């Protein structure tokens, strides 16, 4: 949990450095939580083990699902509806009981986070005279999972750089005041996870996470 917090902090430090010259633009910080799920995915291990993993999200179990992002809307570049964001998401998945029985493993999860860090482009659809603003976005980045595997050959417990993650999102922002707003969105990620586990083996799986997020934003 502590490591995941540090990852989110690093993401925001990077965002602050990137956006520092843009203090006159529309800079927005957001935090969110929600309900996240993941469909089944195939798992391949370099020792020849192969099985289909059923995933549970358990969004509200400790550690919970959550995220944060920084957005720079390109107001002063005459593109007021375009934005750039850095987004950190503490997504997570647990292998279900059927998967554990099939694989013979006693634990298989990424529960201190898949830890998705992405750079994104956003487009908002302003509604003149209304507080509602729909938006869409897409981006790419890294997944940095906390790998937890316990199997007869040994135990793996630690953070690894898993590989590339792709992100898509669509939502609606509702202005409460000039500075504060709330939003509801769908966010999906496709993560290519390739990580070392015990005995010098490699584990590969491609995880899709689907989330419905509710959050709050503050504009500078």
Protein backbone atom coordinates (compact mmCIF):
# COMPACT_ATOMS: atom_id res chain seq x y z
CA UNK A 1 0.00 0.00 0.00
CA UNK A 2 2.82 2.35 0.92
CA UNK A 3 4.61 1.63 -2.34
CA UNK A 4 1.44 2.29 -4.34
CA UNK A 5 1.08 5.63 -2.58
CA UNK A 6 4.67 6.50 -3.55
CA UNK A 7 3.90 5.59 -7.18
CA UNK A 8 0.93 7.96 -7.21
CA UNK A 9 3.08 10.66 -5.63
CA UNK A 10 5.74 10.23 -8.32
CA UNK A 11 3.06 10.52 -11.00
CA UNK A 12 1.86 13.83 -9.57
CA UNK A 13 5.40 15.16 -9.22
CA UNK A 14 5.90 14.35 -12.89
CA UNK A 15 2.63 16.10 -13.70
CA UNK A 16 3.64 19.18 -11.74
CA UNK A 17 6.96 19.38 -13.59
CA UNK A 18 5.23 18.94 -16.93
CA UNK A 19 2.59 21.55 -16.23
CA UNK A 20 4.72 24.08 -14.34
CA UNK A 21 5.05 26.44 -17.33
CA UNK A 22 1.27 26.38 -17.78
CA UNK A 23 0.09 28.13 -14.66
CA UNK A 24 -2.03 30.51 -16.69
CA UNK A 25 -3.88 27.63 -18.35
CA UNK A 26 -6.74 25.59 -16.99
CA UNK A 27 -5.02 23.11 -14.67
CA UNK A 28 -7.25 20.52 -13.04
CA UNK A 29 -6.59 17.88 -10.36
CA UNK A 30 -9.00 15.01 -9.77
CA UNK A 31 -9.39 12.08 -7.40
CA UNK A 32 -11.82 9.21 -7.84
CA UNK A 33 -13.00 5.83 -6.66
CA UNK A 34 -15.49 3.37 -8.02
CA UNK A 35 -16.40 -0.15 -8.96
CA UNK A 36 -13.87 -2.13 -11.04
CA UNK A 37 -14.12 -5.58 -12.60
CA UNK A 38 -11.99 -7.71 -14.94
CA UNK A 39 -12.99 -10.52 -17.33
CA UNK A 40 -11.15 -13.85 -17.51
CA UNK A 41 -7.69 -13.91 -19.10
CA UNK A 42 -5.29 -16.62 -20.22
CA UNK A 43 -2.15 -17.15 -18.13
CA UNK A 44 1.07 -18.63 -19.50
CA UNK A 45 4.16 -19.45 -17.43
CA UNK A 46 7.56 -20.15 -18.98
CA UNK A 47 7.69 -23.57 -17.26
CA UNK A 48 4.83 -24.71 -19.50
CA UNK A 49 1.95 -24.04 -17.08
CA UNK A 50 -1.11 -22.60 -18.80
CA UNK A 51 -4.63 -21.92 -17.51
CA UNK A 52 -7.53 -19.48 -17.73
CA UNK A 53 -7.79 -17.09 -14.77
CA UNK A 54 -11.11 -15.82 -13.47
CA UNK A 55 -10.65 -12.44 -11.80
CA UNK A 56 -12.44 -10.68 -8.96
CA UNK A 57 -12.05 -6.93 -8.47
CA UNK A 58 -13.19 -6.54 -4.83
CA UNK A 59 -13.13 -2.76 -5.34
CA UNK A 60 -14.06 -1.84 -1.78
CA UNK A 61 -11.85 -4.35 0.04
CA UNK A 62 -8.54 -3.18 1.53
CA UNK A 63 -6.56 -1.96 -0.32
CA UNK A 64 -9.42 -0.29 -2.24
CA UNK A 65 -9.66 0.68 -5.88
CA UNK A 66 -8.90 4.40 -6.41
CA UNK A 67 -7.19 6.87 -8.73
CA UNK A 68 -5.95 10.42 -9.27
CA UNK A 69 -5.08 12.53 -12.29
CA UNK A 70 -3.81 15.92 -13.38
CA UNK A 71 -5.23 17.54 -16.53
CA UNK A 72 -3.89 20.50 -18.46
CA UNK A 73 -6.59 22.00 -20.71
CA UNK A 74 -4.96 23.85 -23.61
CA UNK A 75 -6.83 27.11 -23.09
CA UNK A 76 -3.94 29.43 -24.01
CA UNK A 77 -3.09 27.50 -27.17
CA UNK A 78 -6.53 28.19 -28.66
CA UNK A 79 -7.60 24.57 -28.14
CA UNK A 80 -9.86 25.01 -25.10
CA UNK A 81 -11.57 21.66 -25.56
CA UNK A 82 -8.37 19.61 -25.76
CA UNK A 83 -6.48 18.41 -22.69
CA UNK A 84 -3.45 16.35 -21.66
CA UNK A 85 -3.49 14.25 -18.52
CA UNK A 86 -1.34 12.06 -16.34
CA UNK A 87 -3.47 9.42 -14.64
CA UNK A 88 -2.63 6.97 -11.83
CA UNK A 89 -5.06 4.13 -11.07
CA UNK A 90 -4.77 1.61 -8.25
CA UNK A 91 -6.66 -1.15 -10.08
CA UNK A 92 -6.44 -4.71 -8.72
CA UNK A 93 -7.47 -8.31 -9.41
CA UNK A 94 -7.73 -11.53 -7.39
CA UNK A 95 -7.81 -15.02 -8.94
CA UNK A 96 -11.07 -16.71 -7.96
CA UNK A 97 -11.38 -20.04 -6.12
CA UNK A 98 -11.95 -22.03 -9.32
CA UNK A 99 -8.72 -20.65 -10.80
CA UNK A 100 -6.73 -21.55 -7.69
CA UNK A 101 -8.15 -25.08 -7.71
CA UNK A 102 -7.37 -25.52 -11.41
CA UNK A 103 -3.83 -24.15 -11.21
CA UNK A 104 -2.88 -25.78 -7.91
CA UNK A 105 -1.70 -22.39 -6.62
CA UNK A 106 -2.78 -21.15 -3.19
CA UNK A 107 -2.51 -17.43 -4.06
CA UNK A 108 -2.52 -15.49 -7.32
CA UNK A 109 -3.33 -11.78 -7.26
CA UNK A 110 -2.24 -8.24 -8.05
CA UNK A 111 -3.85 -6.61 -5.03
CA UNK A 112 -1.49 -3.87 -3.95
CA UNK A 113 -2.31 -2.67 -7.38
CA UNK A 114 -1.87 -3.25 -11.06
CA UNK A 115 -0.78 0.39 -10.62
CA UNK A 116 -1.58 1.91 -14.00
CA UNK A 117 0.23 5.13 -14.91
CA UNK A 118 -0.84 6.63 -18.24
CA UNK A 119 -0.46 9.77 -20.35
CA UNK A 120 -3.71 10.67 -22.11
CA UNK A 121 -5.34 13.05 -24.56
CA UNK A 122 -8.83 14.31 -23.66
CA UNK A 123 -11.58 16.07 -25.57
CA UNK A 124 -14.53 17.80 -23.87
CA UNK A 125 -17.86 18.75 -25.47
CA UNK A 126 -18.90 22.09 -23.90
CA UNK A 127 -22.63 22.62 -23.52
CA UNK A 128 -23.24 26.38 -23.69
CA UNK A 129 -25.21 27.58 -20.70
CA UNK A 130 -25.11 24.19 -18.99
CA UNK A 131 -23.04 22.80 -16.16
CA UNK A 132 -22.76 19.36 -17.76
CA UNK A 133 -19.69 18.69 -19.91
CA UNK A 134 -19.26 15.26 -21.57
CA UNK A 135 -15.70 14.18 -22.38
CA UNK A 136 -13.72 11.30 -23.89
CA UNK A 137 -10.08 10.32 -23.71
CA UNK A 138 -7.46 7.74 -24.63
CA UNK A 139 -3.86 7.10 -23.71
CA UNK A 140 -0.98 4.74 -23.08
CA UNK A 141 1.42 4.05 -20.23
CA UNK A 142 2.81 1.39 -17.92
CA UNK A 143 1.42 -1.18 -15.53
CA UNK A 144 3.54 -1.72 -12.39
CA UNK A 145 1.84 -4.62 -10.60
CA UNK A 146 2.46 -5.94 -7.12
CA UNK A 147 2.84 -9.62 -7.95
CA UNK A 148 1.56 -12.10 -5.35
CA UNK A 149 1.92 -15.76 -6.33
CA UNK A 150 2.18 -18.75 -4.02
CA UNK A 151 2.61 -22.15 -5.70
CA UNK A 152 4.33 -25.44 -4.84
CA UNK A 153 7.65 -24.23 -6.30
CA UNK A 154 7.81 -21.03 -4.21
CA UNK A 155 6.42 -17.58 -3.42
CA UNK A 156 6.57 -14.25 -5.28
CA UNK A 157 5.74 -11.01 -3.46
CA UNK A 158 6.86 -7.66 -4.88
CA UNK A 159 6.52 -4.87 -7.44
CA UNK A 160 7.53 -5.37 -11.06
CA UNK A 161 7.23 -3.37 -14.29
CA UNK A 162 4.68 -5.47 -16.13
CA UNK A 163 4.57 -3.73 -19.50
CA UNK A 164 2.32 -1.48 -21.56
CA UNK A 165 -1.23 -0.49 -20.66
CA UNK A 166 -3.75 1.18 -22.96
CA UNK A 167 -6.56 3.35 -21.62
CA UNK A 168 -9.93 4.65 -22.83
CA UNK A 169 -12.46 6.72 -20.92
CA UNK A 170 -15.72 8.58 -21.35
CA UNK A 171 -17.68 10.55 -18.82
CA UNK A 172 -19.61 13.64 -17.77
CA UNK A 173 -18.29 16.47 -15.60
CA UNK A 174 -20.74 18.55 -13.55
CA UNK A 175 -19.64 22.02 -12.41
CA UNK A 176 -20.54 22.84 -8.79
CA UNK A 177 -18.63 26.15 -8.70
CA UNK A 178 -16.03 27.80 -10.95
CA UNK A 179 -13.33 25.72 -9.24
CA UNK A 180 -15.07 22.56 -8.05
CA UNK A 181 -16.83 19.87 -10.03
CA UNK A 182 -17.80 16.22 -9.76
CA UNK A 183 -17.74 13.60 -12.51
CA UNK A 184 -19.00 10.16 -13.44
CA UNK A 185 -17.10 8.11 -16.00
CA UNK A 186 -16.32 4.74 -17.51
CA UNK A 187 -12.62 3.87 -17.71
CA UNK A 188 -11.14 0.78 -19.33
CA UNK A 189 -7.54 -0.45 -19.44
CA UNK A 190 -5.87 -3.22 -21.40
CA UNK A 191 -2.64 -4.23 -19.66
CA UNK A 192 0.05 -6.52 -21.08
CA UNK A 193 1.57 -8.09 -17.96
CA UNK A 194 4.90 -9.91 -18.27
CA UNK A 195 6.56 -10.43 -14.88
CA UNK A 196 9.14 -12.69 -13.23
CA UNK A 197 8.00 -15.12 -10.55
CA UNK A 198 9.76 -17.73 -8.41
CA UNK A 199 12.24 -20.29 -9.79
CA UNK A 200 13.32 -17.90 -12.55
CA UNK A 201 10.03 -18.31 -14.44
CA UNK A 202 8.09 -15.66 -16.35
CA UNK A 203 4.34 -15.14 -16.12
CA UNK A 204 2.34 -13.54 -18.93
CA UNK A 205 -1.29 -12.46 -19.00
CA UNK A 206 -3.29 -9.65 -20.61
CA UNK A 207 -5.71 -8.08 -18.14
CA UNK A 208 -8.69 -5.92 -19.07
CA UNK A 209 -10.11 -3.78 -16.28
CA UNK A 210 -13.47 -2.02 -16.54
CA UNK A 211 -14.41 0.64 -14.00
CA UNK A 212 -17.23 3.06 -13.28
CA UNK A 213 -15.69 6.00 -11.44
CA UNK A 214 -17.15 8.79 -9.33
CA UNK A 215 -14.79 11.64 -8.53
CA UNK A 216 -14.21 15.27 -7.66
CA UNK A 217 -12.04 17.85 -9.43
CA UNK A 218 -10.45 21.17 -8.48
CA UNK A 219 -9.36 23.76 -11.07
CA UNK A 220 -6.58 26.35 -10.69
